[in-house]
Amino acid sequence: MEKPFYDIHLFCCVNTRESGHPRGSCGQQGALDLQGYLKARVKQLPNGGRVRINTSGCLDRCELGPVLVIYPQGVWYHYRTQADMEEILARHIIGGEVVQRLLLTPEAMVPPA
């Protein structure tokens, strides 16, 4: 089998709902700016061409947002700041380690503390 074009895909939800929606949205919590920040940072990496940062519509984890999912591993993260993005970049994308403090499990109903 040939090597895939990308080794890692990150899908960052940037969906925005109307103000006051009971579920909220990732877009209302700064997701687009943070996704742009991560995309720029990945381009600075020596292997950045093997990592793809995508915007995504709703990933249906609205109350936990902003959220992203990394494939092919299928690991979900919640993040709020550039420092969170830097930690995901350093520990997961570069280091191959799951960032436990930002990890979202399938049963998670509230963001991690």
N, C-alpha and C. Protein backbone atom coordinates (compact mmCIF):
# COMPACT_ATOMS: atom_id res chain seq x y z
N MET A 1 0.85 -1.19 0.00
CA MET A 1 0.00 0.00 0.00
C MET A 1 0.89 1.25 0.00
N GLU A 2 0.49 2.24 -0.77
CA GLU A 2 1.23 3.49 -0.84
C GLU A 2 1.05 4.30 0.43
N LYS A 3 2.05 5.12 0.73
CA LYS A 3 1.98 6.02 1.88
C LYS A 3 0.87 7.06 1.64
N PRO A 4 0.04 7.34 2.64
CA PRO A 4 -1.02 8.35 2.44
C PRO A 4 -0.42 9.73 2.22
N PHE A 5 -1.20 10.59 1.59
CA PHE A 5 -0.74 11.95 1.32
C PHE A 5 -0.46 12.71 2.61
N TYR A 6 -1.34 12.53 3.61
CA TYR A 6 -1.15 13.12 4.93
C TYR A 6 -1.05 12.00 5.95
N ASP A 7 -0.21 12.21 6.96
CA ASP A 7 -0.11 11.24 8.05
C ASP A 7 -1.15 11.50 9.13
N ILE A 8 -1.46 12.78 9.34
CA ILE A 8 -2.38 13.18 10.40
C ILE A 8 -3.34 14.22 9.85
N HIS A 9 -4.62 14.06 10.18
CA HIS A 9 -5.65 15.04 9.85
C HIS A 9 -6.25 15.54 11.15
N LEU A 10 -6.33 16.85 11.32
CA LEU A 10 -7.04 17.44 12.44
C LEU A 10 -8.25 18.18 11.90
N PHE A 11 -9.42 17.85 12.42
CA PHE A 11 -10.65 18.52 12.04
C PHE A 11 -11.09 19.37 13.22
N CYS A 12 -11.07 20.69 13.02
CA CYS A 12 -11.43 21.64 14.07
C CYS A 12 -12.81 22.21 13.77
N CYS A 13 -13.74 21.97 14.67
CA CYS A 13 -15.08 22.52 14.50
C CYS A 13 -15.02 24.04 14.63
N VAL A 14 -15.59 24.73 13.65
CA VAL A 14 -15.70 26.19 13.69
C VAL A 14 -17.16 26.62 13.50
N ASN A 15 -18.08 25.68 13.66
CA ASN A 15 -19.51 25.96 13.48
C ASN A 15 -19.96 27.07 14.42
N THR A 16 -20.76 27.97 13.89
CA THR A 16 -21.32 29.06 14.69
C THR A 16 -22.83 29.04 14.59
N ARG A 17 -23.46 28.99 15.74
CA ARG A 17 -24.92 29.07 15.84
C ARG A 17 -25.30 30.49 16.23
N GLU A 18 -26.60 30.77 16.13
CA GLU A 18 -27.08 32.09 16.52
C GLU A 18 -26.82 32.32 18.01
N SER A 19 -26.63 33.56 18.35
CA SER A 19 -26.38 33.93 19.74
C SER A 19 -27.53 33.47 20.62
N GLY A 20 -27.21 32.92 21.77
CA GLY A 20 -28.22 32.47 22.71
C GLY A 20 -28.70 31.05 22.50
N HIS A 21 -28.19 30.37 21.48
CA HIS A 21 -28.61 28.98 21.25
C HIS A 21 -28.24 28.17 22.49
N PRO A 22 -29.13 27.30 22.97
CA PRO A 22 -28.87 26.57 24.22
C PRO A 22 -27.64 25.64 24.18
N ARG A 23 -27.25 25.18 23.01
CA ARG A 23 -26.09 24.30 22.92
C ARG A 23 -24.79 25.07 22.74
N GLY A 24 -24.87 26.36 22.44
CA GLY A 24 -23.67 27.12 22.16
C GLY A 24 -23.04 26.65 20.86
N SER A 25 -21.80 27.06 20.61
CA SER A 25 -21.10 26.61 19.42
C SER A 25 -19.61 26.88 19.57
N CYS A 26 -18.84 26.09 18.87
CA CYS A 26 -17.38 26.25 18.90
C CYS A 26 -16.98 27.61 18.34
N GLY A 27 -17.67 28.02 17.27
CA GLY A 27 -17.34 29.29 16.64
C GLY A 27 -17.49 30.48 17.57
N GLN A 28 -18.47 30.43 18.46
CA GLN A 28 -18.68 31.52 19.40
C GLN A 28 -17.63 31.54 20.50
N GLN A 29 -16.82 30.49 20.56
CA GLN A 29 -15.79 30.40 21.60
C GLN A 29 -14.37 30.54 21.02
N GLY A 30 -14.27 31.19 19.87
CA GLY A 30 -12.95 31.49 19.30
C GLY A 30 -12.31 30.39 18.50
N ALA A 31 -13.09 29.40 18.07
CA ALA A 31 -12.52 28.24 17.38
C ALA A 31 -11.82 28.60 16.07
N LEU A 32 -12.37 29.51 15.30
CA LEU A 32 -11.77 29.83 14.00
C LEU A 32 -10.38 30.45 14.17
N ASP A 33 -10.24 31.38 15.11
CA ASP A 33 -8.92 31.98 15.36
C ASP A 33 -7.92 30.94 15.85
N LEU A 34 -8.36 30.06 16.74
CA LEU A 34 -7.46 29.03 17.27
C LEU A 34 -7.09 28.01 16.19
N GLN A 35 -8.02 27.67 15.32
CA GLN A 35 -7.72 26.77 14.21
C GLN A 35 -6.70 27.42 13.29
N GLY A 36 -6.86 28.69 13.01
CA GLY A 36 -5.90 29.42 12.17
C GLY A 36 -4.52 29.47 12.81
N TYR A 37 -4.49 29.66 14.12
CA TYR A 37 -3.22 29.67 14.84
C TYR A 37 -2.52 28.32 14.70
N LEU A 38 -3.26 27.23 14.92
CA LEU A 38 -2.66 25.90 14.82
C LEU A 38 -2.19 25.62 13.40
N LYS A 39 -2.96 26.02 12.42
CA LYS A 39 -2.58 25.80 11.02
C LYS A 39 -1.26 26.51 10.70
N ALA A 40 -1.13 27.74 11.15
CA ALA A 40 0.11 28.49 10.93
C ALA A 40 1.29 27.83 11.63
N ARG A 41 1.07 27.36 12.84
CA ARG A 41 2.15 26.71 13.61
C ARG A 41 2.60 25.41 12.94
N VAL A 42 1.65 24.61 12.44
CA VAL A 42 2.00 23.35 11.79
C VAL A 42 2.86 23.59 10.56
N LYS A 43 2.57 24.66 9.83
CA LYS A 43 3.36 24.98 8.64
C LYS A 43 4.82 25.27 8.98
N GLN A 44 5.11 25.61 10.22
CA GLN A 44 6.48 25.89 10.65
C GLN A 44 7.27 24.62 10.97
N LEU A 45 6.58 23.49 11.04
CA LEU A 45 7.24 22.22 11.39
C LEU A 45 7.94 21.62 10.19
N PRO A 46 9.06 20.92 10.43
CA PRO A 46 9.74 20.24 9.32
C PRO A 46 8.83 19.23 8.61
N ASN A 47 7.97 18.55 9.34
CA ASN A 47 7.06 17.57 8.74
C ASN A 47 5.66 18.14 8.55
N GLY A 48 5.53 19.47 8.60
CA GLY A 48 4.22 20.12 8.51
C GLY A 48 3.43 19.77 7.27
N GLY A 49 4.13 19.43 6.19
CA GLY A 49 3.45 19.05 4.97
C GLY A 49 2.75 17.72 5.06
N ARG A 50 3.03 16.96 6.11
CA ARG A 50 2.41 15.65 6.31
C ARG A 50 1.23 15.73 7.28
N VAL A 51 0.93 16.94 7.77
CA VAL A 51 -0.17 17.17 8.72
C VAL A 51 -1.15 18.14 8.08
N ARG A 52 -2.42 17.81 8.12
CA ARG A 52 -3.45 18.68 7.53
C ARG A 52 -4.38 19.18 8.62
N ILE A 53 -4.52 20.50 8.70
CA ILE A 53 -5.43 21.13 9.65
C ILE A 53 -6.64 21.60 8.85
N ASN A 54 -7.80 21.01 9.14
CA ASN A 54 -9.03 21.33 8.41
C ASN A 54 -10.03 22.03 9.32
N THR A 55 -10.83 22.92 8.72
CA THR A 55 -12.01 23.41 9.43
C THR A 55 -13.11 22.39 9.22
N SER A 56 -13.98 22.31 10.19
CA SER A 56 -15.10 21.39 10.12
C SER A 56 -16.36 22.12 10.54
N GLY A 57 -17.46 21.67 9.99
CA GLY A 57 -18.76 22.09 10.50
C GLY A 57 -18.99 21.39 11.82
N CYS A 58 -20.21 21.39 12.27
CA CYS A 58 -20.55 20.86 13.58
C CYS A 58 -20.12 19.40 13.75
N LEU A 59 -19.40 19.14 14.82
CA LEU A 59 -19.00 17.78 15.19
C LEU A 59 -19.91 17.22 16.28
N ASP A 60 -20.97 17.95 16.64
CA ASP A 60 -22.01 17.54 17.58
C ASP A 60 -21.50 17.32 19.00
N ARG A 61 -20.50 18.10 19.39
CA ARG A 61 -20.03 18.11 20.78
C ARG A 61 -20.06 19.57 21.27
N CYS A 62 -21.09 20.28 20.84
CA CYS A 62 -21.20 21.73 20.99
C CYS A 62 -20.95 22.23 22.41
N GLU A 63 -21.53 21.54 23.38
CA GLU A 63 -21.42 21.99 24.77
C GLU A 63 -20.00 21.86 25.30
N LEU A 64 -19.16 21.12 24.59
CA LEU A 64 -17.79 20.87 25.03
C LEU A 64 -16.79 21.73 24.27
N GLY A 65 -17.27 22.56 23.37
CA GLY A 65 -16.42 23.27 22.43
C GLY A 65 -15.53 24.32 23.04
N PRO A 66 -14.57 24.73 22.23
CA PRO A 66 -14.22 24.22 20.93
C PRO A 66 -13.63 22.81 21.01
N VAL A 67 -13.88 22.04 19.95
CA VAL A 67 -13.39 20.67 19.90
C VAL A 67 -12.70 20.41 18.56
N LEU A 68 -11.82 19.40 18.60
CA LEU A 68 -11.19 18.92 17.38
C LEU A 68 -11.03 17.41 17.50
N VAL A 69 -10.90 16.76 16.35
CA VAL A 69 -10.66 15.32 16.33
C VAL A 69 -9.47 15.07 15.41
N ILE A 70 -8.61 14.16 15.85
CA ILE A 70 -7.41 13.82 15.10
C ILE A 70 -7.55 12.42 14.53
N TYR A 71 -7.35 12.32 13.22
CA TYR A 71 -7.36 11.01 12.55
C TYR A 71 -5.99 10.75 11.94
N PRO A 72 -5.54 9.51 11.90
CA PRO A 72 -6.36 8.31 11.93
C PRO A 72 -6.65 7.76 13.32
N GLN A 73 -6.13 8.36 14.39
CA GLN A 73 -6.32 7.80 15.73
C GLN A 73 -7.74 7.95 16.26
N GLY A 74 -8.48 8.95 15.81
CA GLY A 74 -9.82 9.18 16.33
C GLY A 74 -9.82 9.75 17.74
N VAL A 75 -8.81 10.58 18.04
CA VAL A 75 -8.69 11.20 19.37
C VAL A 75 -9.36 12.56 19.34
N TRP A 76 -10.23 12.81 20.34
CA TRP A 76 -10.97 14.06 20.45
C TRP A 76 -10.39 14.92 21.57
N TYR A 77 -10.29 16.22 21.28
CA TYR A 77 -9.80 17.17 22.29
C TYR A 77 -10.73 18.37 22.40
N HIS A 78 -10.73 18.93 23.60
CA HIS A 78 -11.36 20.21 23.92
C HIS A 78 -10.20 21.18 24.13
N TYR A 79 -10.34 22.42 23.69
CA TYR A 79 -9.27 23.41 23.88
C TYR A 79 -9.89 24.78 24.03
N ARG A 80 -9.14 25.69 24.61
CA ARG A 80 -9.63 27.06 24.81
C ARG A 80 -8.61 28.13 24.40
N THR A 81 -7.34 27.79 24.44
CA THR A 81 -6.30 28.80 24.29
C THR A 81 -5.22 28.36 23.30
N GLN A 82 -4.38 29.32 22.93
CA GLN A 82 -3.22 28.99 22.10
C GLN A 82 -2.29 28.04 22.85
N ALA A 83 -2.21 28.19 24.16
CA ALA A 83 -1.37 27.28 24.95
C ALA A 83 -1.89 25.84 24.85
N ASP A 84 -3.22 25.67 24.85
CA ASP A 84 -3.79 24.33 24.64
C ASP A 84 -3.39 23.78 23.28
N MET A 85 -3.48 24.63 22.25
CA MET A 85 -3.09 24.20 20.91
C MET A 85 -1.61 23.84 20.85
N GLU A 86 -0.78 24.61 21.52
CA GLU A 86 0.65 24.31 21.56
C GLU A 86 0.91 22.96 22.23
N GLU A 87 0.15 22.67 23.28
CA GLU A 87 0.32 21.39 23.96
C GLU A 87 -0.11 20.22 23.07
N ILE A 88 -1.22 20.38 22.36
CA ILE A 88 -1.65 19.34 21.42
C ILE A 88 -0.61 19.16 20.32
N LEU A 89 -0.09 20.26 19.83
CA LEU A 89 0.94 20.21 18.79
C LEU A 89 2.20 19.48 19.28
N ALA A 90 2.72 19.91 20.42
CA ALA A 90 3.97 19.34 20.94
C ALA A 90 3.81 17.89 21.39
N ARG A 91 2.79 17.64 22.13
CA ARG A 91 2.67 16.32 22.74
C ARG A 91 2.01 15.29 21.84
N HIS A 92 0.97 15.66 21.11
CA HIS A 92 0.26 14.68 20.28
C HIS A 92 0.83 14.62 18.86
N ILE A 93 0.83 15.76 18.17
CA ILE A 93 1.23 15.75 16.76
C ILE A 93 2.71 15.41 16.62
N ILE A 94 3.56 16.04 17.42
CA ILE A 94 5.00 15.77 17.33
C ILE A 94 5.39 14.56 18.15
N GLY A 95 4.90 14.49 19.38
CA GLY A 95 5.34 13.44 20.30
C GLY A 95 4.56 12.14 20.27
N GLY A 96 3.38 12.16 19.66
CA GLY A 96 2.58 10.94 19.59
C GLY A 96 1.92 10.54 20.90
N GLU A 97 1.83 11.48 21.83
CA GLU A 97 1.28 11.22 23.17
C GLU A 97 -0.10 11.85 23.29
N VAL A 98 -1.05 11.16 23.87
CA VAL A 98 -2.38 11.72 24.11
C VAL A 98 -2.29 12.72 25.26
N VAL A 99 -2.89 13.88 25.08
CA VAL A 99 -2.91 14.94 26.09
C VAL A 99 -4.13 14.69 26.98
N GLN A 100 -3.92 14.01 28.07
CA GLN A 100 -5.02 13.57 28.93
C GLN A 100 -5.88 14.72 29.45
N ARG A 101 -5.27 15.84 29.80
CA ARG A 101 -6.03 16.93 30.40
C ARG A 101 -7.01 17.58 29.42
N LEU A 102 -6.79 17.41 28.11
CA LEU A 102 -7.67 18.00 27.10
C LEU A 102 -8.52 16.95 26.38
N LEU A 103 -8.33 15.70 26.72
CA LEU A 103 -8.99 14.58 26.05
C LEU A 103 -10.50 14.59 26.31
N LEU A 104 -11.27 14.33 25.26
CA LEU A 104 -12.71 14.14 25.38
C LEU A 104 -13.02 12.67 25.14
N THR A 105 -13.71 12.08 26.07
CA THR A 105 -14.15 10.71 25.92
C THR A 105 -15.54 10.70 25.30
N PRO A 106 -15.97 9.58 24.73
CA PRO A 106 -17.30 9.54 24.12
C PRO A 106 -18.43 9.89 25.09
N GLU A 107 -18.26 9.56 26.35
CA GLU A 107 -19.33 9.81 27.32
C GLU A 107 -19.25 11.20 27.97
N ALA A 108 -18.26 12.01 27.64
CA ALA A 108 -18.10 13.33 28.26
C ALA A 108 -19.31 14.22 27.97
N MET A 109 -19.82 14.82 29.00
CA MET A 109 -20.96 15.72 28.87
C MET A 109 -20.63 17.16 29.27
N VAL A 110 -19.50 17.33 29.93
CA VAL A 110 -19.04 18.67 30.28
C VAL A 110 -17.56 18.74 29.95
N PRO A 111 -17.06 19.95 29.65
CA PRO A 111 -15.63 20.08 29.35
C PRO A 111 -14.78 19.68 30.55
N PRO A 112 -13.60 19.13 30.31
CA PRO A 112 -12.70 18.82 31.43
C PRO A 112 -12.35 20.10 32.17
N ALA A 113 -12.07 19.98 33.46
CA ALA A 113 -11.70 21.14 34.28
C ALA A 113 -10.40 21.74 33.80
